[in-house]
Amino acid sequence: MDGERVMEKRPEVYATGSLSDGKKYLLLAMLTSATVQSYLVWQYYCISSDGVRYIEAAREFYSGDILSGLGSLYPPGYSLMIAAAYPLVRDWELTGQLLSLAFGVGLLFPLFFLLRDVFDDRVAGIACLLASLSPFLARYAAHVRTESSYLFFLTLALMLLVQGIYKKRTSRFFQGGLVAGLAYLLRPEAIGLLIIIPGFLALRRFAQKERNWAVVGKYAALLIAGFSIFALPYIVYLSIDTGKWGAISRKAGITLAVNLGKAGVLETDGSGDNPGVASPEFFDLIRRHPLQYATKVVMDLPLAIGTYFEVMHFSYVPFLLIGLFLSVRGQFWHRREFILLSFVLFYLIGFSMILVRRRYSLQFVPVSLGWCAIGVLWVWEYCRESLNARTSKIILTSIGVFFLAATLPKTLSPISPEKAYVRDAGRYLGKLNGNGVLKIAVLDNRIHFYADAEAVYLFDVKESALRDHLEEQKARYLAVDTKSWRRHFPNASRRPENFGLFLDKEFVGTRNDRLLVFKVM
């Protein structure tokens, strides 16, 4: 029992506050989050290539072609939700955006209760307010991407599991597993909870010098059982479809290949944009390049930490560092927030082993906002207690103004305005798509998406076969940005008329990027 009491110790800086304060902050955060994210949906200029893939799978599900939908490179959860919500909106892109927005605002509820159980109500409320202004949480909540919905289910799963651990609610482990299984159907890295939670429970027992490992086994079994209900059918399907037993993702091999390509180990363009590319086997890549892989992991760990700070945004980092410092003093492994620290450390190492990217690191933001809130409270209390009233007010006001001035321009900046020319080109071609069967040769799937036309992909086409390929596929137009055009087809970019291509229209982006539309003769 002494170990249990030690586990409850918390830094005094956030041991104050009231329930009403927390609820007021939560309500304000909800209003702020809804306002910010709705504004960004309005200031949204172009869908991402991943978003097109999610919508293509959603269309397959909506039409009843389940196997084609499951054949997507990505897990089916987000596409299934788009397909289910589409009849209410009747616009595929807007449906995905509104889903992301709803989950972006909804994230505040599990986040509040998670951080309330780990810290207290005031910390949880301030963290939610910080979440409502967080640049990357807000921006991804306006995208047709899985990040927003994934963060909602991941945070909800963590909330349930934390309640199971600290409130001794056995059923919460099964419920948390169920929700983690849903999160897995959005992004495969949710399976990491099956390692983090049992590992944390085992470490906690060891720290308390208890040897009743049966309890750890029971909780872990409930977690895995709940997770398997939603996740196992898809894992079995992947295993059968790919011929690799125990496969948990179609994209893991591609993602690792991109990382090794950047390291110069593999020959790859690093884009991963080819929708027809076969995923290399993840562990085969490691076995073939063990030394290079190990070196890359070690080199990527500092990059992962830097990306963590980047996705938090620089205006949050000082408060984050203060909060982390206060939380890891002394025997920090006995404190409740050690489970959140375990979560961050696990995924920092995990992404270093696969690929470090900002949007992968977004899941660090919600769980880290509790430490940011602690940092805010510490600065507030320090100024009020150490300085006279007038000086304290001036300094705190200055900090608040600087924080907003450093945060809001990023949070509220329009999404992908530099890619608006891609959307414009697609819509231009859509106007030429009178009978709805127009075929367009592309290297960017967003063009045919906005044209509502059939794509003829050029990724694997050799330049010598370009003209014949366009003729065989009956492509009427070819639309490509100049950089990709020169890289993939240098001769055709210099003399397109030799390949039966005649310039129809040119679109110019805000960064002077150019997209050429050729008519195929």
Protein backbone atom coordinates (compact mmCIF):
# COMPACT_ATOMS: atom_id res chain seq x y z
CA MET A 1 0.00 0.00 0.00
CA ASP A 2 2.93 2.37 0.54
CA GLY A 3 3.67 2.13 -3.16
CA GLU A 4 0.08 3.15 -3.96
CA ARG A 5 0.37 6.26 -1.79
CA VAL A 6 3.65 7.23 -3.41
CA MET A 7 2.03 6.87 -6.83
CA GLU A 8 -0.52 9.55 -5.92
CA LYS A 9 2.07 12.26 -5.17
CA ARG A 10 1.84 15.26 -7.47
CA PRO A 11 3.82 18.49 -7.80
CA GLU A 12 2.22 21.20 -5.68
CA VAL A 13 2.15 23.68 -8.55
CA TYR A 14 -0.98 22.11 -9.99
CA ALA A 15 -2.59 20.76 -6.84
CA THR A 16 -4.95 23.75 -6.68
CA GLY A 17 -8.00 24.78 -8.65
CA SER A 18 -11.69 23.98 -8.65
CA LEU A 19 -14.11 21.92 -10.68
CA SER A 20 -15.95 25.03 -11.85
CA ASP A 21 -12.69 26.51 -13.18
CA GLY A 22 -12.03 23.40 -15.23
CA LYS A 23 -15.52 23.33 -16.70
CA LYS A 24 -15.37 27.02 -17.61
CA TYR A 25 -12.09 26.47 -19.44
CA LEU A 26 -13.55 23.44 -21.23
CA LEU A 27 -16.61 25.35 -22.43
CA LEU A 28 -14.45 28.22 -23.64
CA ALA A 29 -12.14 25.75 -25.36
CA MET A 30 -15.05 24.10 -27.17
CA LEU A 31 -16.30 27.45 -28.46
CA THR A 32 -12.79 28.51 -29.51
CA SER A 33 -12.04 25.18 -31.17
CA ALA A 34 -15.29 25.14 -33.15
CA THR A 35 -14.74 28.72 -34.30
CA VAL A 36 -11.11 28.22 -35.32
CA GLN A 37 -11.69 24.93 -37.12
CA SER A 38 -14.81 26.18 -38.94
CA TYR A 39 -12.79 29.16 -40.16
CA LEU A 40 -10.07 26.83 -41.46
CA VAL A 41 -12.61 24.67 -43.31
CA TRP A 42 -13.70 27.87 -45.04
CA GLN A 43 -10.05 28.78 -45.75
CA TYR A 44 -9.22 25.39 -47.28
CA TYR A 45 -7.87 25.42 -50.84
CA CYS A 46 -6.89 21.92 -51.90
CA ILE A 47 -7.31 18.35 -50.73
CA SER A 48 -4.23 16.22 -49.98
CA SER A 49 -3.28 13.19 -52.07
CA ASP A 50 -4.01 10.99 -49.04
CA GLY A 51 -7.44 12.59 -48.78
CA VAL A 52 -8.21 11.54 -52.35
CA ARG A 53 -7.30 7.95 -51.50
CA TYR A 54 -9.61 7.96 -48.47
CA ILE A 55 -12.45 9.29 -50.59
CA GLU A 56 -11.80 6.76 -53.37
CA ALA A 57 -12.11 3.96 -50.81
CA ALA A 58 -15.22 5.62 -49.34
CA ARG A 59 -16.83 5.63 -52.78
CA GLU A 60 -16.11 1.92 -53.10
CA PHE A 61 -17.72 1.23 -49.72
CA TYR A 62 -20.69 3.45 -50.57
CA SER A 63 -21.25 1.60 -53.85
CA GLY A 64 -21.16 -1.75 -52.02
CA ASP A 65 -17.78 -2.87 -53.37
CA ILE A 66 -16.37 -3.79 -49.96
CA LEU A 67 -13.33 -5.70 -51.20
CA SER A 68 -12.15 -2.78 -53.35
CA GLY A 69 -12.57 -0.46 -50.38
CA LEU A 70 -10.55 -2.80 -48.17
CA GLY A 71 -7.89 -2.98 -50.87
CA SER A 72 -6.90 0.63 -50.20
CA LEU A 73 -3.38 1.35 -48.99
CA TYR A 74 -4.86 2.73 -45.78
CA PRO A 75 -7.00 1.14 -43.03
CA PRO A 76 -10.76 1.33 -43.70
CA GLY A 77 -12.06 3.17 -40.63
CA TYR A 78 -12.02 6.76 -41.89
CA SER A 79 -13.29 5.83 -45.36
CA LEU A 80 -16.17 3.87 -43.82
CA MET A 81 -17.14 6.92 -41.75
CA ILE A 82 -17.04 9.15 -44.85
CA ALA A 83 -19.22 6.66 -46.74
CA ALA A 84 -21.71 6.56 -43.85
CA ALA A 85 -21.90 10.36 -43.54
CA TYR A 86 -21.92 11.15 -47.26
CA PRO A 87 -25.74 10.90 -47.72
CA LEU A 88 -26.15 13.73 -45.21
CA VAL A 89 -23.75 16.10 -47.00
CA ARG A 90 -23.69 14.94 -50.65
CA ASP A 91 -20.16 16.25 -51.16
CA TRP A 92 -17.28 13.87 -50.64
CA GLU A 93 -14.60 16.40 -49.75
CA LEU A 94 -16.82 18.42 -47.41
CA THR A 95 -18.00 15.21 -45.72
CA GLY A 96 -14.41 14.32 -44.83
CA GLN A 97 -13.72 17.84 -43.59
CA LEU A 98 -16.83 17.99 -41.41
CA LEU A 99 -15.97 14.60 -39.88
CA SER A 100 -12.49 15.86 -39.04
CA LEU A 101 -13.95 19.05 -37.58
CA ALA A 102 -16.43 17.13 -35.41
CA PHE A 103 -13.70 14.88 -34.04
CA GLY A 104 -11.38 17.87 -33.60
CA VAL A 105 -13.87 19.59 -31.30
CA GLY A 106 -14.90 16.27 -29.73
CA LEU A 107 -11.27 15.55 -28.77
CA LEU A 108 -11.60 18.08 -25.96
CA PHE A 109 -13.96 15.81 -23.98
CA PRO A 110 -11.73 12.73 -23.55
CA LEU A 111 -8.71 15.02 -23.25
CA PHE A 112 -10.31 16.89 -20.34
CA PHE A 113 -11.21 13.72 -18.43
CA LEU A 114 -7.85 12.07 -19.17
CA LEU A 115 -5.88 15.04 -17.84
CA ARG A 116 -8.29 15.55 -14.95
CA ASP A 117 -7.59 12.00 -13.77
CA VAL A 118 -3.84 12.38 -14.28
CA PHE A 119 -3.51 15.94 -12.93
CA ASP A 120 -6.55 17.95 -11.81
CA ASP A 121 -9.51 19.91 -13.20
CA ARG A 122 -7.73 23.23 -13.63
CA VAL A 123 -4.79 21.69 -15.47
CA ALA A 124 -7.22 19.75 -17.67
CA GLY A 125 -9.25 22.89 -18.43
CA ILE A 126 -6.22 25.00 -19.33
CA ALA A 127 -4.83 22.15 -21.44
CA CYS A 128 -8.12 22.04 -23.40
CA LEU A 129 -7.94 25.79 -23.95
CA LEU A 130 -4.38 25.37 -25.25
CA ALA A 131 -5.60 22.53 -27.46
CA SER A 132 -8.23 24.79 -29.02
CA LEU A 133 -5.47 27.15 -30.20
CA SER A 134 -2.87 24.50 -31.10
CA PRO A 135 -1.85 25.18 -34.72
CA PHE A 136 -1.52 21.63 -35.93
CA LEU A 137 -4.48 20.20 -34.02
CA ALA A 138 -6.63 22.89 -35.62
CA ARG A 139 -5.20 22.53 -39.11
CA TYR A 140 -5.49 18.77 -39.32
CA ALA A 141 -9.08 19.05 -38.10
CA ALA A 142 -9.88 20.84 -41.38
CA HIS A 143 -8.20 18.21 -43.60
CA VAL A 144 -9.63 15.11 -45.22
CA ARG A 145 -7.22 12.99 -43.18
CA THR A 146 -7.39 10.51 -40.32
CA GLU A 147 -5.42 12.53 -37.77
CA SER A 148 -8.38 14.24 -36.10
CA SER A 149 -10.55 11.13 -35.73
CA TYR A 150 -7.55 9.02 -34.72
CA LEU A 151 -6.58 11.44 -31.96
CA PHE A 152 -10.14 11.37 -30.63
CA PHE A 153 -10.27 7.58 -30.32
CA LEU A 154 -6.67 7.28 -29.13
CA THR A 155 -7.25 9.85 -26.38
CA LEU A 156 -10.55 8.22 -25.44
CA ALA A 157 -8.80 4.85 -25.17
CA LEU A 158 -6.08 6.36 -22.97
CA MET A 159 -8.72 8.00 -20.78
CA LEU A 160 -10.51 4.69 -20.23
CA LEU A 161 -7.27 2.84 -19.53
CA VAL A 162 -6.07 5.49 -17.06
CA GLN A 163 -9.39 5.15 -15.23
CA GLY A 164 -8.89 1.40 -15.18
CA ILE A 165 -5.42 1.80 -13.68
CA TYR A 166 -6.04 4.49 -11.09
CA LYS A 167 -9.71 3.95 -10.26
CA LYS A 168 -9.38 0.16 -10.33
CA ARG A 169 -12.22 -0.28 -12.80
CA THR A 170 -11.47 -3.60 -14.42
CA SER A 171 -14.06 -3.16 -17.17
CA ARG A 172 -12.23 -0.07 -18.39
CA PHE A 173 -9.41 -2.22 -19.79
CA PHE A 174 -11.82 -4.07 -22.04
CA GLN A 175 -13.56 -0.82 -23.03
CA GLY A 176 -10.23 0.87 -23.66
CA GLY A 177 -9.23 -2.07 -25.84
CA LEU A 178 -12.45 -1.73 -27.86
CA VAL A 179 -11.76 1.95 -28.53
CA ALA A 180 -8.09 1.27 -29.29
CA GLY A 181 -9.29 -1.27 -31.88
CA LEU A 182 -11.35 1.47 -33.51
CA ALA A 183 -8.30 3.75 -33.46
CA TYR A 184 -6.30 0.96 -35.14
CA LEU A 185 -8.81 0.93 -38.01
CA LEU A 186 -7.86 4.57 -38.55
CA ARG A 187 -4.10 4.35 -38.05
CA PRO A 188 -2.17 1.12 -37.38
CA GLU A 189 0.15 2.67 -34.78
CA ALA A 190 -2.68 2.47 -32.25
CA ILE A 191 -1.57 -1.13 -31.75
CA GLY A 192 1.26 0.36 -29.67
CA LEU A 193 -1.17 0.63 -26.74
CA LEU A 194 -0.98 -3.17 -26.45
CA ILE A 195 2.69 -2.70 -25.53
CA ILE A 196 2.57 0.57 -23.60
CA ILE A 197 -0.18 -0.34 -21.11
CA PRO A 198 1.02 -3.84 -20.10
CA GLY A 199 4.59 -2.53 -19.95
CA PHE A 200 3.51 0.34 -17.71
CA LEU A 201 1.52 -2.00 -15.45
CA ALA A 202 4.50 -4.33 -15.12
CA LEU A 203 6.85 -1.44 -14.31
CA ARG A 204 4.35 -0.09 -11.80
CA ARG A 205 4.18 -3.43 -10.01
CA PHE A 206 7.93 -3.65 -9.97
CA ALA A 207 8.25 -0.11 -8.56
CA GLN A 208 5.78 -0.98 -5.81
CA LYS A 209 7.76 -4.14 -5.06
CA GLU A 210 4.66 -6.24 -5.61
CA ARG A 211 4.91 -9.57 -7.34
CA ASN A 212 1.25 -10.25 -8.09
CA TRP A 213 1.75 -10.51 -11.83
CA ALA A 214 -1.60 -12.22 -12.31
CA VAL A 215 -3.31 -8.83 -12.11
CA VAL A 216 -1.11 -7.48 -14.90
CA GLY A 217 -1.93 -10.52 -17.00
CA LYS A 218 -5.65 -10.11 -16.35
CA TYR A 219 -5.68 -6.45 -17.35
CA ALA A 220 -3.54 -7.11 -20.42
CA ALA A 221 -5.84 -9.97 -21.48
CA LEU A 222 -8.91 -7.74 -21.19
CA LEU A 223 -7.17 -5.02 -23.20
CA ILE A 224 -6.18 -7.44 -25.97
CA ALA A 225 -9.62 -9.05 -26.00
CA GLY A 226 -11.33 -5.68 -26.44
CA PHE A 227 -8.84 -4.61 -29.09
CA SER A 228 -9.32 -7.83 -31.06
CA ILE A 229 -13.07 -7.38 -31.55
CA PHE A 230 -12.62 -4.59 -34.09
CA ALA A 231 -8.99 -5.00 -35.11
CA LEU A 232 -8.59 -8.78 -35.49
CA PRO A 233 -10.94 -9.21 -38.48
CA TYR A 234 -8.98 -6.62 -40.43
CA ILE A 235 -5.63 -8.14 -39.40
CA VAL A 236 -6.85 -11.56 -40.58
CA TYR A 237 -8.04 -10.03 -43.86
CA LEU A 238 -4.66 -8.31 -44.36
CA SER A 239 -2.82 -11.54 -43.61
CA ILE A 240 -4.84 -13.42 -46.23
CA ASP A 241 -4.78 -10.65 -48.82
CA THR A 242 -1.05 -9.92 -48.55
CA GLY A 243 0.05 -13.49 -47.88
CA LYS A 244 1.98 -12.27 -44.82
CA TRP A 245 0.60 -13.72 -41.59
CA GLY A 246 0.22 -11.17 -38.85
CA ALA A 247 0.36 -8.16 -41.21
CA ILE A 248 -0.97 -5.08 -39.45
CA SER A 249 -0.48 -2.46 -42.18
CA ARG A 250 -0.17 -2.24 -45.94
CA LYS A 251 1.93 0.90 -45.72
CA ALA A 252 4.55 0.07 -43.07
CA GLY A 253 6.96 -1.35 -45.65
CA ILE A 254 6.47 1.61 -47.98
CA THR A 255 7.00 4.06 -45.13
CA LEU A 256 10.22 2.37 -44.04
CA ALA A 257 11.37 2.21 -47.68
CA VAL A 258 10.86 5.98 -47.98
CA ASN A 259 12.98 6.47 -44.86
CA LEU A 260 15.75 4.18 -46.14
CA GLY A 261 15.54 5.92 -49.50
CA LYS A 262 16.21 9.26 -47.86
CA ALA A 263 19.20 7.68 -46.15
CA GLY A 264 20.53 6.56 -49.53
CA VAL A 265 20.09 2.86 -48.73
CA LEU A 266 17.38 2.27 -51.33
CA GLU A 267 16.64 3.79 -54.70
CA THR A 268 13.31 5.59 -54.33
CA ASP A 269 11.85 8.98 -55.14
CA GLY A 270 10.64 9.19 -51.56
CA SER A 271 7.16 10.28 -52.53
CA GLY A 272 5.11 7.18 -51.98
CA ASP A 273 2.53 8.73 -54.30
CA ASN A 274 2.14 5.85 -56.71
CA PRO A 275 -1.21 4.27 -55.82
CA GLY A 276 -0.32 1.06 -57.54
CA VAL A 277 3.01 0.44 -55.83
CA ALA A 278 3.40 -2.84 -53.96
CA SER A 279 4.45 -2.51 -50.35
CA PRO A 280 7.87 -4.00 -49.63
CA GLU A 281 7.94 -6.39 -46.69
CA PHE A 282 8.84 -4.44 -43.55
CA PHE A 283 11.10 -6.98 -41.86
CA ASP A 284 12.74 -7.99 -45.14
CA LEU A 285 13.99 -4.43 -45.51
CA ILE A 286 15.51 -4.59 -42.04
CA ARG A 287 17.11 -7.97 -42.63
CA ARG A 288 18.66 -6.83 -45.90
CA HIS A 289 20.07 -3.60 -44.46
CA PRO A 290 20.59 -4.18 -40.71
CA LEU A 291 23.57 -1.86 -40.18
CA GLN A 292 22.13 0.98 -42.25
CA TYR A 293 18.79 0.55 -40.52
CA ALA A 294 20.32 0.67 -37.03
CA THR A 295 22.33 3.76 -37.97
CA LYS A 296 19.24 5.43 -39.35
CA VAL A 297 17.27 4.76 -36.14
CA VAL A 298 19.99 6.31 -34.00
CA MET A 299 20.24 9.33 -36.28
CA ASP A 300 16.47 9.78 -36.42
CA LEU A 301 15.92 9.89 -32.66
CA PRO A 302 17.13 13.52 -32.28
CA LEU A 303 15.08 14.34 -35.39
CA ALA A 304 12.04 12.79 -33.72
CA ILE A 305 12.56 14.97 -30.64
CA GLY A 306 12.91 18.05 -32.82
CA THR A 307 9.74 17.14 -34.71
CA TYR A 308 7.98 16.70 -31.36
CA PHE A 309 8.83 20.28 -30.43
CA GLU A 310 7.87 21.47 -33.91
CA VAL A 311 4.42 19.90 -33.80
CA MET A 312 3.86 21.35 -30.34
CA HIS A 313 4.76 24.76 -31.89
CA PHE A 314 7.50 26.99 -30.55
CA SER A 315 5.16 29.18 -28.48
CA TYR A 316 4.15 26.12 -26.44
CA VAL A 317 7.64 24.68 -25.95
CA PRO A 318 8.79 26.91 -23.01
CA PHE A 319 5.70 25.94 -21.00
CA LEU A 320 6.15 22.29 -22.03
CA LEU A 321 9.76 22.25 -20.79
CA ILE A 322 8.78 23.85 -17.47
CA GLY A 323 5.99 21.32 -17.00
CA LEU A 324 8.21 18.38 -17.88
CA PHE A 325 10.91 19.61 -15.50
CA LEU A 326 8.41 19.85 -12.64
CA SER A 327 6.98 16.43 -13.47
CA VAL A 328 10.20 14.43 -13.76
CA ARG A 329 11.90 15.61 -10.59
CA GLY A 330 12.52 13.02 -7.94
CA GLN A 331 10.89 9.62 -8.30
CA PHE A 332 8.82 10.61 -11.32
CA TRP A 333 8.01 6.98 -12.14
CA HIS A 334 5.73 7.00 -9.11
CA ARG A 335 3.63 9.86 -10.41
CA ARG A 336 0.47 9.44 -12.42
CA GLU A 337 1.78 11.36 -15.43
CA PHE A 338 4.47 8.72 -15.93
CA ILE A 339 1.96 6.85 -18.11
CA LEU A 340 1.83 9.86 -20.44
CA LEU A 341 5.62 10.08 -20.45
CA SER A 342 5.76 6.36 -21.31
CA PHE A 343 3.39 7.01 -24.22
CA VAL A 344 5.57 9.80 -25.61
CA LEU A 345 8.83 7.89 -25.20
CA PHE A 346 7.43 4.75 -26.83
CA TYR A 347 6.26 6.56 -29.94
CA LEU A 348 9.37 8.74 -30.17
CA ILE A 349 11.43 5.57 -30.44
CA GLY A 350 8.79 3.86 -32.60
CA PHE A 351 8.71 6.60 -35.23
CA SER A 352 12.51 6.71 -35.23
CA MET A 353 12.38 3.04 -36.22
CA ILE A 354 10.05 3.69 -39.16
CA LEU A 355 9.75 7.29 -40.36
CA VAL A 356 9.76 10.65 -38.59
CA ARG A 357 7.10 12.99 -39.91
CA ARG A 358 5.24 15.89 -38.36
CA ARG A 359 1.77 14.48 -38.90
CA TYR A 360 2.78 11.16 -37.31
CA SER A 361 4.01 13.10 -34.28
CA LEU A 362 0.71 14.95 -33.90
CA GLN A 363 -0.45 12.33 -31.40
CA PHE A 364 2.11 13.70 -28.92
CA VAL A 365 0.26 17.01 -28.70
CA PRO A 366 -2.87 16.13 -26.66
CA VAL A 367 -1.04 14.11 -24.00
CA SER A 368 1.65 16.81 -23.72
CA LEU A 369 -0.74 19.70 -23.16
CA GLY A 370 -1.06 18.78 -19.47
CA TRP A 371 2.62 19.64 -19.02
CA CYS A 372 2.10 22.86 -20.97
CA ALA A 373 -0.75 23.75 -18.61
CA ILE A 374 1.49 23.07 -15.61
CA GLY A 375 4.08 25.41 -17.14
CA VAL A 376 1.44 28.11 -17.60
CA LEU A 377 0.27 27.75 -13.99
CA TRP A 378 3.83 27.83 -12.68
CA VAL A 379 4.61 31.06 -14.56
CA TRP A 380 1.34 32.56 -13.31
CA GLU A 381 2.00 31.64 -9.67
CA TYR A 382 5.67 32.62 -9.81
CA CYS A 383 4.92 36.10 -11.12
CA ARG A 384 2.10 36.71 -8.66
CA GLU A 385 4.10 35.50 -5.66
CA SER A 386 7.54 36.90 -6.53
CA LEU A 387 6.65 40.29 -8.03
CA ASN A 388 4.53 43.22 -6.99
CA ALA A 389 1.02 43.42 -8.43
CA ARG A 390 1.79 46.02 -11.11
CA THR A 391 4.94 44.33 -12.40
CA SER A 392 3.27 40.92 -12.31
CA LYS A 393 0.34 42.20 -14.35
CA ILE A 394 2.62 43.77 -16.96
CA ILE A 395 4.76 40.64 -17.35
CA LEU A 396 1.82 38.24 -17.48
CA THR A 397 -0.01 40.42 -19.98
CA SER A 398 3.13 40.62 -22.13
CA ILE A 399 3.56 36.84 -22.05
CA GLY A 400 -0.08 36.35 -23.02
CA VAL A 401 0.15 38.83 -25.89
CA PHE A 402 3.40 37.27 -27.15
CA PHE A 403 1.91 33.78 -26.94
CA LEU A 404 -1.16 34.75 -28.98
CA ALA A 405 0.92 36.74 -31.46
CA ALA A 406 3.23 33.75 -31.96
CA THR A 407 0.42 31.17 -32.16
CA LEU A 408 -2.60 32.63 -33.96
CA PRO A 409 -0.90 33.51 -37.28
CA LYS A 410 0.06 29.85 -37.69
CA THR A 411 -3.23 28.51 -36.38
CA LEU A 412 -5.35 30.71 -38.62
CA SER A 413 -3.23 30.68 -41.77
CA PRO A 414 -5.16 29.31 -44.79
CA ILE A 415 -4.66 25.65 -45.64
CA SER A 416 -2.77 24.83 -48.84
CA PRO A 417 -3.32 28.13 -50.71
CA GLU A 418 -0.13 27.36 -52.62
CA LYS A 419 -1.89 24.30 -54.11
CA ALA A 420 -5.06 26.11 -55.19
CA TYR A 421 -3.81 26.01 -58.78
CA VAL A 422 -4.05 22.20 -58.68
CA ARG A 423 -7.71 22.44 -57.71
CA ASP A 424 -8.30 25.10 -60.37
CA ALA A 425 -6.77 22.88 -63.06
CA GLY A 426 -8.92 19.96 -61.97
CA ARG A 427 -12.08 22.04 -62.06
CA TYR A 428 -11.16 23.42 -65.46
CA LEU A 429 -10.84 19.87 -66.80
CA GLY A 430 -14.10 18.99 -65.06
CA LYS A 431 -15.89 21.56 -67.21
CA LEU A 432 -14.59 19.70 -70.26
CA ASN A 433 -15.92 16.43 -68.86
CA GLY A 434 -19.29 16.70 -70.52
CA ASN A 435 -20.22 13.01 -70.70
CA GLY A 436 -18.54 12.06 -67.42
CA VAL A 437 -16.06 9.58 -68.97
CA LEU A 438 -13.10 11.89 -69.51
CA LYS A 439 -9.70 10.22 -69.02
CA ILE A 440 -6.82 12.37 -67.78
CA ALA A 441 -3.18 11.29 -67.59
CA VAL A 442 -1.73 12.49 -64.29
CA LEU A 443 1.03 12.18 -61.74
CA ASP A 444 -1.13 13.88 -59.09
CA ASN A 445 -4.39 12.20 -58.10
CA ARG A 446 -5.90 15.49 -56.92
CA ILE A 447 -6.30 16.71 -60.51
CA HIS A 448 -8.62 13.92 -61.63
CA PHE A 449 -10.43 14.11 -58.28
CA TYR A 450 -11.47 17.72 -58.84
CA ALA A 451 -12.20 16.97 -62.51
CA ASP A 452 -14.39 14.03 -61.47
CA ALA A 453 -12.69 12.10 -64.25
CA GLU A 454 -10.92 8.77 -64.67
CA ALA A 455 -7.20 8.81 -64.00
CA VAL A 456 -4.52 7.37 -66.24
CA TYR A 457 -1.49 7.19 -63.96
CA LEU A 458 1.98 7.75 -65.42
CA PHE A 459 4.20 6.69 -62.51
CA ASP A 460 5.56 3.49 -64.07
CA VAL A 461 5.44 4.55 -67.71
CA LYS A 462 8.76 4.81 -69.55
CA GLU A 463 9.21 7.92 -71.63
CA SER A 464 9.71 5.90 -74.80
CA ALA A 465 6.30 4.30 -74.27
CA LEU A 466 4.47 7.48 -73.23
CA ARG A 467 2.74 8.19 -76.53
CA ASP A 468 1.60 4.61 -77.02
CA HIS A 469 0.40 4.41 -73.43
CA LEU A 470 -1.74 7.55 -73.79
CA GLU A 471 -3.21 6.20 -77.01
CA GLU A 472 -3.95 2.77 -75.55
CA GLN A 473 -5.59 4.24 -72.46
CA LYS A 474 -7.54 6.76 -74.58
CA ALA A 475 -6.45 9.69 -72.43
CA ARG A 476 -7.78 12.97 -73.84
CA TYR A 477 -5.72 15.27 -71.62
CA LEU A 478 -2.46 15.16 -69.71
CA ALA A 479 -2.10 17.41 -66.66
CA VAL A 480 1.17 17.62 -64.75
CA ASP A 481 3.19 20.11 -62.73
CA THR A 482 6.38 21.22 -64.41
CA LYS A 483 8.76 19.81 -61.76
CA SER A 484 7.34 16.29 -61.97
CA TRP A 485 7.07 16.60 -65.75
CA ARG A 486 10.76 17.38 -66.15
CA ARG A 487 11.82 14.73 -63.64
CA HIS A 488 9.80 11.84 -65.10
CA PHE A 489 9.75 12.80 -68.78
CA PRO A 490 12.64 15.18 -69.58
CA ASN A 491 12.44 14.80 -73.37
CA ALA A 492 8.68 15.20 -73.50
CA SER A 493 8.93 18.32 -71.32
CA ARG A 494 11.26 19.88 -73.91
CA ARG A 495 9.36 18.82 -77.03
CA PRO A 496 5.84 17.74 -76.08
CA GLU A 497 4.63 17.92 -79.70
CA ASN A 498 6.87 14.94 -80.52
CA PHE A 499 4.70 12.90 -78.12
CA GLY A 500 1.39 14.10 -79.51
CA LEU A 501 0.89 16.69 -76.76
CA PHE A 502 -0.23 20.26 -77.35
CA LEU A 503 -0.47 22.84 -74.60
CA ASP A 504 -4.07 23.73 -73.79
CA LYS A 505 -3.76 25.82 -70.60
CA GLU A 506 -1.25 26.74 -67.91
CA PHE A 507 -2.00 27.29 -64.21
CA VAL A 508 0.37 29.20 -61.93
CA GLY A 509 0.54 28.86 -58.14
CA THR A 510 1.34 31.45 -55.48
CA ARG A 511 4.94 30.17 -55.33
CA ASN A 512 5.26 30.36 -59.11
CA ASP A 513 4.69 26.61 -59.38
CA ARG A 514 3.21 25.73 -62.75
CA LEU A 515 0.81 23.06 -63.90
CA LEU A 516 0.45 22.33 -67.61
CA VAL A 517 -2.65 20.91 -69.26
CA PHE A 518 -1.95 19.23 -72.60
CA LYS A 519 -4.47 17.99 -75.10
CA VAL A 520 -3.57 14.53 -76.39
CA MET A 521 -3.74 14.37 -80.17
